[in-house]
């Protein structure tokens, strides 16, 4: 894949990450930052010299940003048990 396309995908992922973060959707933001980081590492692998080093450093920063985001756990509804079985209750033993 060409570097230009990968860089556009990095920018798209960063925009989606910022939007998800602004909306409070931390798990989506984290996924988009991880995608941007992975694609930037791909771009760096095809780069040379100082540009390669800068792209690797930026990809590592995105990875650190993604790892710093704590995904919010979904709240347990009243019908869910702490074991995660939800509404699944056996009426009798099989």
C-alpha atoms as a PDB file:
ATOM      1  CA  UNK A   1       0.000   0.000   0.000  1.00  0.00           C
ATOM      2  CA  UNK A   2       1.327   3.444  -0.799  1.00  0.00           C
ATOM      3  CA  UNK A   3       2.618   5.739   1.911  1.00  0.00           C
ATOM      4  CA  UNK A   4       0.140   8.469   0.947  1.00  0.00           C
ATOM      5  CA  UNK A   5      -2.822   6.148   1.474  1.00  0.00           C
ATOM      6  CA  UNK A   6      -1.463   4.932   4.798  1.00  0.00           C
ATOM      7  CA  UNK A   7      -0.883   8.498   5.981  1.00  0.00           C
ATOM      8  CA  UNK A   8      -4.447   9.408   5.025  1.00  0.00           C
ATOM      9  CA  UNK A   9      -5.681   6.397   7.014  1.00  0.00           C
ATOM     10  CA  UNK A  10      -3.599   7.556   9.994  1.00  0.00           C
ATOM     11  CA  UNK A  11      -5.206  11.012   9.794  1.00  0.00           C
ATOM     12  CA  UNK A  12      -8.689   9.496   9.468  1.00  0.00           C
ATOM     13  CA  UNK A  13      -8.090   7.298  12.520  1.00  0.00           C
ATOM     14  CA  UNK A  14      -6.832  10.263  14.516  1.00  0.00           C
ATOM     15  CA  UNK A  15      -9.922  12.286  13.615  1.00  0.00           C
ATOM     16  CA  UNK A  16     -12.176   9.404  14.637  1.00  0.00           C
ATOM     17  CA  UNK A  17     -10.228   8.982  17.886  1.00  0.00           C
ATOM     18  CA  UNK A  18     -10.571  12.657  18.776  1.00  0.00           C
ATOM     19  CA  UNK A  19     -14.293  12.585  17.969  1.00  0.00           C
ATOM     20  CA  UNK A  20     -14.866   9.437  20.053  1.00  0.00           C
ATOM     21  CA  UNK A  21     -12.875  10.902  22.923  1.00  0.00           C
ATOM     22  CA  UNK A  22     -14.901  14.124  22.812  1.00  0.00           C
ATOM     23  CA  UNK A  23     -18.091  12.061  22.956  1.00  0.00           C
ATOM     24  CA  UNK A  24     -16.791  10.131  25.957  1.00  0.00           C
ATOM     25  CA  UNK A  25     -16.466   6.841  24.099  1.00  0.00           C
ATOM     26  CA  UNK A  26     -13.115   5.746  25.462  1.00  0.00           C
ATOM     27  CA  UNK A  27     -13.089   2.225  24.004  1.00  0.00           C
ATOM     28  CA  UNK A  28     -13.653   3.504  20.464  1.00  0.00           C
ATOM     29  CA  UNK A  29     -11.067   6.240  20.962  1.00  0.00           C
ATOM     30  CA  UNK A  30      -8.554   3.678  22.178  1.00  0.00           C
ATOM     31  CA  UNK A  31      -9.186   1.443  19.152  1.00  0.00           C
ATOM     32  CA  UNK A  32      -8.759   4.346  16.728  1.00  0.00           C
ATOM     33  CA  UNK A  33      -5.505   5.439  18.395  1.00  0.00           C
ATOM     34  CA  UNK A  34      -4.229   1.853  18.166  1.00  0.00           C
ATOM     35  CA  UNK A  35      -5.157   1.729  14.480  1.00  0.00           C
ATOM     36  CA  UNK A  36      -3.396   5.022  13.806  1.00  0.00           C
ATOM     37  CA  UNK A  37      -0.309   3.810  15.650  1.00  0.00           C
ATOM     38  CA  UNK A  38      -0.198   0.511  13.741  1.00  0.00           C
ATOM     39  CA  UNK A  39      -0.544   2.249  10.389  1.00  0.00           C
ATOM     40  CA  UNK A  40       2.109   4.800  11.291  1.00  0.00           C
ATOM     41  CA  UNK A  41       4.486   1.954  12.197  1.00  0.00           C
ATOM     42  CA  UNK A  42       3.717   0.531   8.728  1.00  0.00           C
ATOM     43  CA  UNK A  43       4.590   3.880   7.148  1.00  0.00           C
ATOM     44  CA  UNK A  44       7.787   4.074   9.202  1.00  0.00           C
ATOM     45  CA  UNK A  45       8.860   0.644   7.984  1.00  0.00           C
ATOM     46  CA  UNK A  46       8.820   2.003   4.429  1.00  0.00           C
ATOM     47  CA  UNK A  47      10.623   5.234   5.390  1.00  0.00           C
ATOM     48  CA  UNK A  48      14.325   5.990   5.714  1.00  0.00           C
ATOM     49  CA  UNK A  49      16.637   8.113   7.828  1.00  0.00           C
ATOM     50  CA  UNK A  50      15.409  10.813  10.145  1.00  0.00           C
ATOM     51  CA  UNK A  51      11.860  10.625   8.771  1.00  0.00           C
ATOM     52  CA  UNK A  52      11.702   6.969   9.809  1.00  0.00           C
ATOM     53  CA  UNK A  53      12.858   7.832  13.331  1.00  0.00           C
ATOM     54  CA  UNK A  54      10.282  10.630  13.653  1.00  0.00           C
ATOM     55  CA  UNK A  55       7.474   8.380  12.424  1.00  0.00           C
ATOM     56  CA  UNK A  56       8.454   5.613  14.848  1.00  0.00           C
ATOM     57  CA  UNK A  57       8.541   8.128  17.719  1.00  0.00           C
ATOM     58  CA  UNK A  58       5.096   9.447  16.770  1.00  0.00           C
ATOM     59  CA  UNK A  59       3.695   5.928  16.443  1.00  0.00           C
ATOM     60  CA  UNK A  60       5.040   5.123  19.915  1.00  0.00           C
ATOM     61  CA  UNK A  61       3.373   8.273  21.284  1.00  0.00           C
ATOM     62  CA  UNK A  62       0.055   7.183  19.762  1.00  0.00           C
ATOM     63  CA  UNK A  63       0.493   3.725  21.255  1.00  0.00           C
ATOM     64  CA  UNK A  64       1.182   5.252  24.674  1.00  0.00           C
ATOM     65  CA  UNK A  65      -1.887   7.488  24.282  1.00  0.00           C
ATOM     66  CA  UNK A  66      -4.043   4.457  23.455  1.00  0.00           C
ATOM     67  CA  UNK A  67      -2.663   2.493  26.397  1.00  0.00           C
ATOM     68  CA  UNK A  68      -3.320   5.400  28.759  1.00  0.00           C
ATOM     69  CA  UNK A  69      -7.033   5.372  27.955  1.00  0.00           C
ATOM     70  CA  UNK A  70      -8.997   3.322  30.412  1.00  0.00           C
ATOM     71  CA  UNK A  71     -11.996   1.694  28.784  1.00  0.00           C
ATOM     72  CA  UNK A  72     -15.126   2.196  30.778  1.00  0.00           C
ATOM     73  CA  UNK A  73     -16.768  -1.044  31.769  1.00  0.00           C
ATOM     74  CA  UNK A  74     -20.431  -1.376  30.945  1.00  0.00           C
ATOM     75  CA  UNK A  75     -22.576  -1.046  34.049  1.00  0.00           C
ATOM     76  CA  UNK A  76     -24.109  -4.231  35.363  1.00  0.00           C
ATOM     77  CA  UNK A  77     -27.859  -4.155  34.951  1.00  0.00           C
ATOM     78  CA  UNK A  78     -30.185  -5.225  37.726  1.00  0.00           C
ATOM     79  CA  UNK A  79     -30.910  -8.509  35.951  1.00  0.00           C
ATOM     80  CA  UNK A  80     -27.239  -9.418  35.543  1.00  0.00           C
ATOM     81  CA  UNK A  81     -25.449 -11.299  38.247  1.00  0.00           C
ATOM     82  CA  UNK A  82     -21.882 -10.630  39.160  1.00  0.00           C
ATOM     83  CA  UNK A  83     -20.917 -13.852  37.376  1.00  0.00           C
ATOM     84  CA  UNK A  84     -22.040 -12.319  34.081  1.00  0.00           C
ATOM     85  CA  UNK A  85     -24.763 -14.809  33.280  1.00  0.00           C
ATOM     86  CA  UNK A  86     -27.438 -12.145  32.931  1.00  0.00           C
ATOM     87  CA  UNK A  87     -30.980 -13.485  32.636  1.00  0.00           C
ATOM     88  CA  UNK A  88     -29.821 -17.062  32.123  1.00  0.00           C
ATOM     89  CA  UNK A  89     -31.181 -18.970  35.129  1.00  0.00           C
ATOM     90  CA  UNK A  90     -31.712 -22.707  35.255  1.00  0.00           C
ATOM     91  CA  UNK A  91     -35.122 -23.643  36.607  1.00  0.00           C
ATOM     92  CA  UNK A  92     -33.977 -27.153  37.406  1.00  0.00           C
ATOM     93  CA  UNK A  93     -30.868 -29.223  37.169  1.00  0.00           C
ATOM     94  CA  UNK A  94     -30.422 -31.017  33.830  1.00  0.00           C
END
